[in-house]
Amino acid sequence: MALLWIVCLAIATVTTVAGAPSVYPIETYTSRIVNGQLAKPGSWPWQVSLQNYYGRHFCGGSLVNQNWVITAAHCNFNPGYHHVVLGESDLHSSAEPVQVKTVSQVITHPYWDPRNMNYDCTLLRLSSPANINNYVSPIRLVAASAYVPGGTTCITTGWGRTVSGGPTSTKLMQTNMPIIDPQACRQYWGNQISDAMICAGASGSSSCQGDSGGPLVCYGNTGWNLVGIVSWGTVNCNVYSPAVYARVSKFRSFIDQYINY
């Protein structure tokens, strides 16, 4: 059964280069979000928390430039009741220099289909530009023509559950996730896997409820690139089953027509 994954890594000078965090990430190849490893504050500066009116986290997202955040369509962001928090690591801390932003525009991919989770992608335009600093900076989007081969080790982050059925994490977690080629993923999920999806994991780690909308990033010649958006997976966050992400390369034409103006 599949389940939507909603809540239902030394400080240097400030950089504005997408995909280049000022705080270097610590990568541990045995980590996982389910029973996972704490992320070093500031090491994933594009990670945002989507929160409701009461400050409760319900989904993740990624800052792609000063004005725009990308998340999952199934997070159902409502600008009247929800807001975006940037620069956060500990959801229970009041000492972090976070930026709380309202959203002026919500644009969901026109092909989004909640029945099959295809094109699970939404853009959020911030009401005012993000202040880029050591703890808040954008992620580079993977190219439309990019091919990420199976076996490539990437990383996903979020505040989702650390144990199946348990509470969500109050601190940002990270895990290494190997990319699974589509043919191998379809052996598990069948025709539920479309070319608008990319699979990762099934190696002792997984995203879980509360991680929805957050990033799957892979390191390349240009730094970190956003390859996937946390979308769906098994109801019990099985760490040996493929997790499914919305494939960012498939959405580049949709994304670029909005964020580049």
Protein backbone atom coordinates (compact mmCIF):
# COMPACT_ATOMS: atom_id res chain seq x y z
CA MET A 1 0.00 0.00 0.00
CA ALA A 2 1.30 3.43 -0.86
CA LEU A 3 0.96 6.42 1.44
CA LEU A 4 1.41 10.14 0.85
CA TRP A 5 4.31 11.33 2.96
CA ILE A 6 2.65 14.28 4.64
CA VAL A 7 2.38 14.59 8.43
CA CYS A 8 -1.02 12.39 7.94
CA LEU A 9 26.67 19.14 6.96
CA ALA A 10 32.44 25.21 9.27
CA ILE A 11 30.72 28.50 8.67
CA ALA A 12 32.31 30.43 5.79
CA THR A 13 31.40 33.69 4.10
CA VAL A 14 27.87 34.11 2.81
CA THR A 15 27.37 32.55 -0.60
CA THR A 16 24.67 33.11 -3.15
CA VAL A 17 25.81 30.23 -5.35
CA ALA A 18 22.97 27.76 -5.72
CA GLY A 19 23.75 24.29 -4.41
CA ALA A 20 26.80 25.43 -2.41
CA PRO A 21 26.06 25.49 1.35
CA SER A 22 28.24 27.68 3.56
CA VAL A 23 28.15 25.00 6.25
CA TYR A 24 29.73 21.81 4.92
CA PRO A 25 27.44 18.75 5.23
CA ILE A 26 28.53 15.71 7.17
CA GLU A 27 27.78 12.59 5.14
CA THR A 28 27.56 9.26 6.95
CA TYR A 29 26.79 6.33 4.74
CA THR A 30 24.93 4.36 7.40
CA SER A 31 22.46 7.11 8.24
CA ARG A 32 18.74 7.15 7.62
CA ILE A 33 15.82 9.41 8.48
CA VAL A 34 14.00 6.45 10.01
CA ASN A 35 16.27 6.09 13.07
CA GLY A 36 18.41 8.67 11.26
CA GLN A 37 21.25 11.09 11.60
CA LEU A 38 20.88 14.69 12.69
CA ALA A 39 21.73 17.17 9.96
CA LYS A 40 24.35 19.77 10.83
CA PRO A 41 22.56 23.14 11.16
CA GLY A 42 22.99 25.19 8.01
CA SER A 43 24.31 22.32 5.90
CA TRP A 44 21.16 22.07 3.80
CA PRO A 45 20.26 25.78 3.56
CA TRP A 46 17.61 25.33 0.86
CA GLN A 47 15.47 23.13 3.12
CA VAL A 48 12.30 24.88 4.23
CA SER A 49 9.50 23.90 6.60
CA LEU A 50 5.89 24.44 5.60
CA GLN A 51 3.85 25.18 8.70
CA ASN A 52 0.26 25.89 9.59
CA TYR A 53 -1.18 28.87 11.46
CA TYR A 54 -0.15 27.33 14.80
CA GLY A 55 3.46 26.75 13.71
CA ARG A 56 3.07 23.03 13.20
CA HIS A 57 5.27 21.53 10.50
CA PHE A 58 3.42 19.47 7.92
CA CYS A 59 5.65 19.35 4.81
CA GLY A 60 9.09 20.26 3.51
CA GLY A 61 10.19 22.22 0.47
CA SER A 62 13.26 23.66 -1.25
CA LEU A 63 14.28 27.26 -1.90
CA VAL A 64 15.17 27.58 -5.60
CA ASN A 65 15.86 31.33 -5.65
CA GLN A 66 15.12 34.35 -3.45
CA ASN A 67 11.49 34.38 -4.47
CA TRP A 68 10.42 30.79 -5.05
CA VAL A 69 10.05 27.51 -3.15
CA ILE A 70 9.24 24.15 -4.70
CA THR A 71 7.28 21.48 -2.85
CA ALA A 72 4.91 18.58 -3.49
CA ALA A 73 1.45 19.26 -4.88
CA HIS A 74 -0.08 16.79 -2.42
CA CYS A 75 1.00 19.03 0.47
CA ASN A 76 -1.99 21.19 -0.50
CA PHE A 77 -0.38 24.46 0.58
CA ASN A 78 -3.00 27.10 1.35
CA PRO A 79 -1.61 30.67 1.56
CA GLY A 80 -4.49 31.69 3.81
CA TYR A 81 -3.53 29.21 6.53
CA HIS A 82 0.08 28.20 5.85
CA HIS A 83 3.51 29.87 5.76
CA VAL A 84 7.12 29.04 4.84
CA VAL A 85 9.95 28.96 7.39
CA LEU A 86 13.54 29.25 6.12
CA GLY A 87 16.79 28.66 8.01
CA GLU A 88 15.26 26.29 10.53
CA SER A 89 16.96 23.21 11.97
CA ASP A 90 15.28 22.64 15.34
CA LEU A 91 11.52 23.12 15.16
CA HIS A 92 11.36 23.67 18.92
CA SER A 93 14.14 26.26 19.10
CA SER A 94 13.37 29.96 19.43
CA ALA A 95 17.04 30.94 19.11
CA GLU A 96 17.53 30.20 15.41
CA PRO A 97 17.57 33.17 12.99
CA VAL A 98 14.68 31.86 10.94
CA GLN A 99 12.78 33.74 8.27
CA VAL A 100 9.00 33.34 8.23
CA LYS A 101 7.42 34.11 4.87
CA THR A 102 3.88 34.27 3.65
CA VAL A 103 3.12 33.20 0.10
CA SER A 104 1.56 35.38 -2.58
CA GLN A 105 1.11 32.78 -5.32
CA VAL A 106 0.67 29.01 -5.46
CA ILE A 107 1.18 27.35 -8.85
CA THR A 108 0.59 23.62 -9.14
CA HIS A 109 1.73 21.66 -12.18
CA PRO A 110 -1.21 21.51 -14.62
CA TYR A 111 -0.78 17.75 -15.05
CA TRP A 112 -0.91 17.00 -11.31
CA ASP A 113 -3.13 13.98 -10.70
CA PRO A 114 -3.74 12.96 -7.07
CA ARG A 115 -5.15 9.61 -8.19
CA ASN A 116 -1.79 8.37 -9.46
CA MET A 117 0.56 10.96 -7.91
CA ASN A 118 1.82 12.06 -11.32
CA TYR A 119 3.46 15.50 -11.57
CA ASP A 120 3.51 15.99 -7.80
CA CYS A 121 4.95 19.51 -7.94
CA THR A 122 3.89 22.96 -6.71
CA LEU A 123 5.68 26.32 -6.79
CA LEU A 124 5.26 28.86 -3.98
CA ARG A 125 6.08 32.53 -4.61
CA LEU A 126 7.23 34.21 -1.41
CA SER A 127 5.54 37.49 -0.55
CA SER A 128 8.99 39.05 0.01
CA PRO A 129 12.44 37.84 -1.10
CA ALA A 130 14.41 35.54 1.16
CA ASN A 131 17.49 37.04 2.80
CA ILE A 132 20.38 34.89 1.57
CA ASN A 133 22.88 34.10 4.32
CA ASN A 134 24.85 31.21 5.85
CA TYR A 135 21.67 29.37 6.75
CA VAL A 136 19.40 30.27 3.85
CA SER A 137 20.47 29.80 0.23
CA PRO A 138 18.95 28.17 -2.87
CA ILE A 139 19.47 24.78 -4.42
CA ARG A 140 20.43 24.37 -8.07
CA LEU A 141 17.82 22.58 -10.18
CA VAL A 142 18.96 19.52 -12.10
CA ALA A 143 19.04 20.07 -15.86
CA ALA A 144 16.13 18.89 -17.98
CA SER A 145 18.54 16.67 -19.93
CA ALA A 146 20.25 15.22 -16.86
CA TYR A 147 20.45 11.47 -16.38
CA VAL A 148 21.14 10.23 -12.85
CA PRO A 149 22.19 6.57 -13.13
CA GLY A 150 21.01 3.89 -10.78
CA GLY A 151 23.36 3.45 -7.84
CA THR A 152 24.18 7.15 -7.54
CA THR A 153 24.19 8.08 -3.85
CA CYS A 154 22.03 11.11 -3.13
CA ILE A 155 20.67 12.65 0.08
CA THR A 156 17.22 13.50 1.33
CA THR A 157 16.41 15.63 4.37
CA GLY A 158 13.38 16.41 6.48
CA TRP A 159 11.57 16.48 9.78
CA GLY A 160 9.52 13.33 9.15
CA ARG A 161 9.04 10.35 11.38
CA THR A 162 12.22 8.63 12.56
CA VAL A 163 10.39 5.41 13.43
CA SER A 164 7.42 4.02 11.54
CA GLY A 165 4.29 4.99 13.45
CA GLY A 166 6.22 7.27 15.79
CA PRO A 167 6.29 11.05 16.12
CA THR A 168 7.89 13.35 13.58
CA SER A 169 11.37 14.68 14.36
CA THR A 170 11.80 18.10 15.92
CA LYS A 171 15.30 18.35 14.39
CA LEU A 172 16.27 18.20 10.74
CA MET A 173 17.41 14.72 9.73
CA GLN A 174 19.30 13.41 6.69
CA THR A 175 19.90 10.11 4.96
CA ASN A 176 21.83 8.75 2.00
CA MET A 177 19.63 7.29 -0.72
CA PRO A 178 20.91 5.37 -3.76
CA ILE A 179 19.01 6.09 -6.97
CA ILE A 180 17.08 3.09 -8.32
CA ASP A 181 16.70 2.82 -12.08
CA PRO A 182 13.08 2.92 -13.31
CA GLN A 183 13.00 -0.69 -14.50
CA ALA A 184 14.08 -1.97 -11.09
CA CYS A 185 11.59 0.33 -9.35
CA ARG A 186 8.75 -0.92 -11.55
CA GLN A 187 9.56 -4.47 -10.49
CA TYR A 188 8.35 -3.39 -7.05
CA TRP A 189 5.68 -0.78 -7.79
CA GLY A 190 4.56 -1.89 -11.25
CA ASN A 191 2.96 0.61 -13.58
CA GLN A 192 2.45 3.11 -10.73
CA ILE A 193 5.91 4.45 -11.66
CA SER A 194 5.76 7.01 -14.47
CA ASP A 195 8.49 9.00 -16.21
CA ALA A 196 7.57 11.92 -13.93
CA MET A 197 8.90 9.93 -10.94
CA ILE A 198 12.34 8.85 -9.71
CA CYS A 199 12.98 6.14 -7.11
CA ALA A 200 15.63 5.91 -4.41
CA GLY A 201 16.41 3.95 -1.25
CA ALA A 202 15.47 0.32 -0.56
CA SER A 203 18.86 0.03 1.13
CA GLY A 204 18.09 0.39 4.82
CA SER A 205 16.93 4.00 4.76
CA SER A 206 13.80 5.88 3.79
CA SER A 207 11.87 9.11 3.85
CA CYS A 208 8.75 8.94 5.99
CA GLN A 209 5.59 10.85 6.91
CA GLY A 210 6.38 14.53 7.41
CA ASP A 211 9.15 14.56 4.77
CA SER A 212 6.75 15.19 1.88
CA GLY A 213 7.72 18.02 -0.45
CA GLY A 214 11.32 18.02 0.75
CA PRO A 215 14.47 17.60 -1.36
CA LEU A 216 16.33 14.68 -2.86
CA VAL A 217 19.71 16.18 -3.83
CA CYS A 218 22.65 14.69 -5.70
CA TYR A 219 26.19 16.09 -5.86
CA GLY A 220 27.65 16.90 -9.29
CA ASN A 221 30.30 19.07 -10.93
CA THR A 222 28.28 22.20 -10.18
CA GLY A 223 27.55 21.31 -6.54
CA TRP A 224 24.32 19.96 -5.11
CA ASN A 225 21.39 19.62 -7.49
CA LEU A 226 17.71 19.11 -6.72
CA VAL A 227 16.78 15.84 -8.42
CA GLY A 228 13.58 14.85 -6.65
CA ILE A 229 10.74 16.00 -4.41
CA VAL A 230 9.60 13.63 -1.65
CA SER A 231 6.29 12.22 -2.89
CA TRP A 232 5.09 8.79 -1.74
CA GLY A 233 6.04 5.30 -0.54
CA THR A 234 4.96 2.43 1.68
CA VAL A 235 2.52 3.00 4.52
CA ASN A 236 5.09 1.80 7.09
CA CYS A 237 8.10 3.63 5.57
CA ASN A 238 9.72 0.28 4.79
CA VAL A 239 13.46 0.94 4.53
CA TYR A 240 13.87 -1.90 2.01
CA SER A 241 11.18 -0.66 -0.38
CA PRO A 242 11.81 2.03 -3.01
CA ALA A 243 10.74 5.53 -2.03
CA VAL A 244 9.22 7.58 -4.83
CA TYR A 245 10.07 11.20 -5.65
CA ALA A 246 8.73 13.63 -8.23
CA ARG A 247 11.38 13.88 -10.98
CA VAL A 248 12.53 17.53 -11.16
CA SER A 249 14.15 17.22 -14.61
CA LYS A 250 10.72 16.41 -16.01
CA PHE A 251 9.34 19.70 -14.67
CA ARG A 252 12.04 22.14 -15.81
CA SER A 253 9.99 23.82 -18.54
CA PHE A 254 7.10 24.30 -16.09
CA ILE A 255 9.39 25.60 -13.34
CA ASP A 256 11.49 27.89 -15.55
CA GLN A 257 8.54 29.73 -17.03
CA TYR A 258 7.72 31.09 -13.56
CA ILE A 259 10.91 31.37 -11.51
CA ASN A 260 12.93 33.14 -14.21
CA TYR A 261 10.83 36.29 -14.28
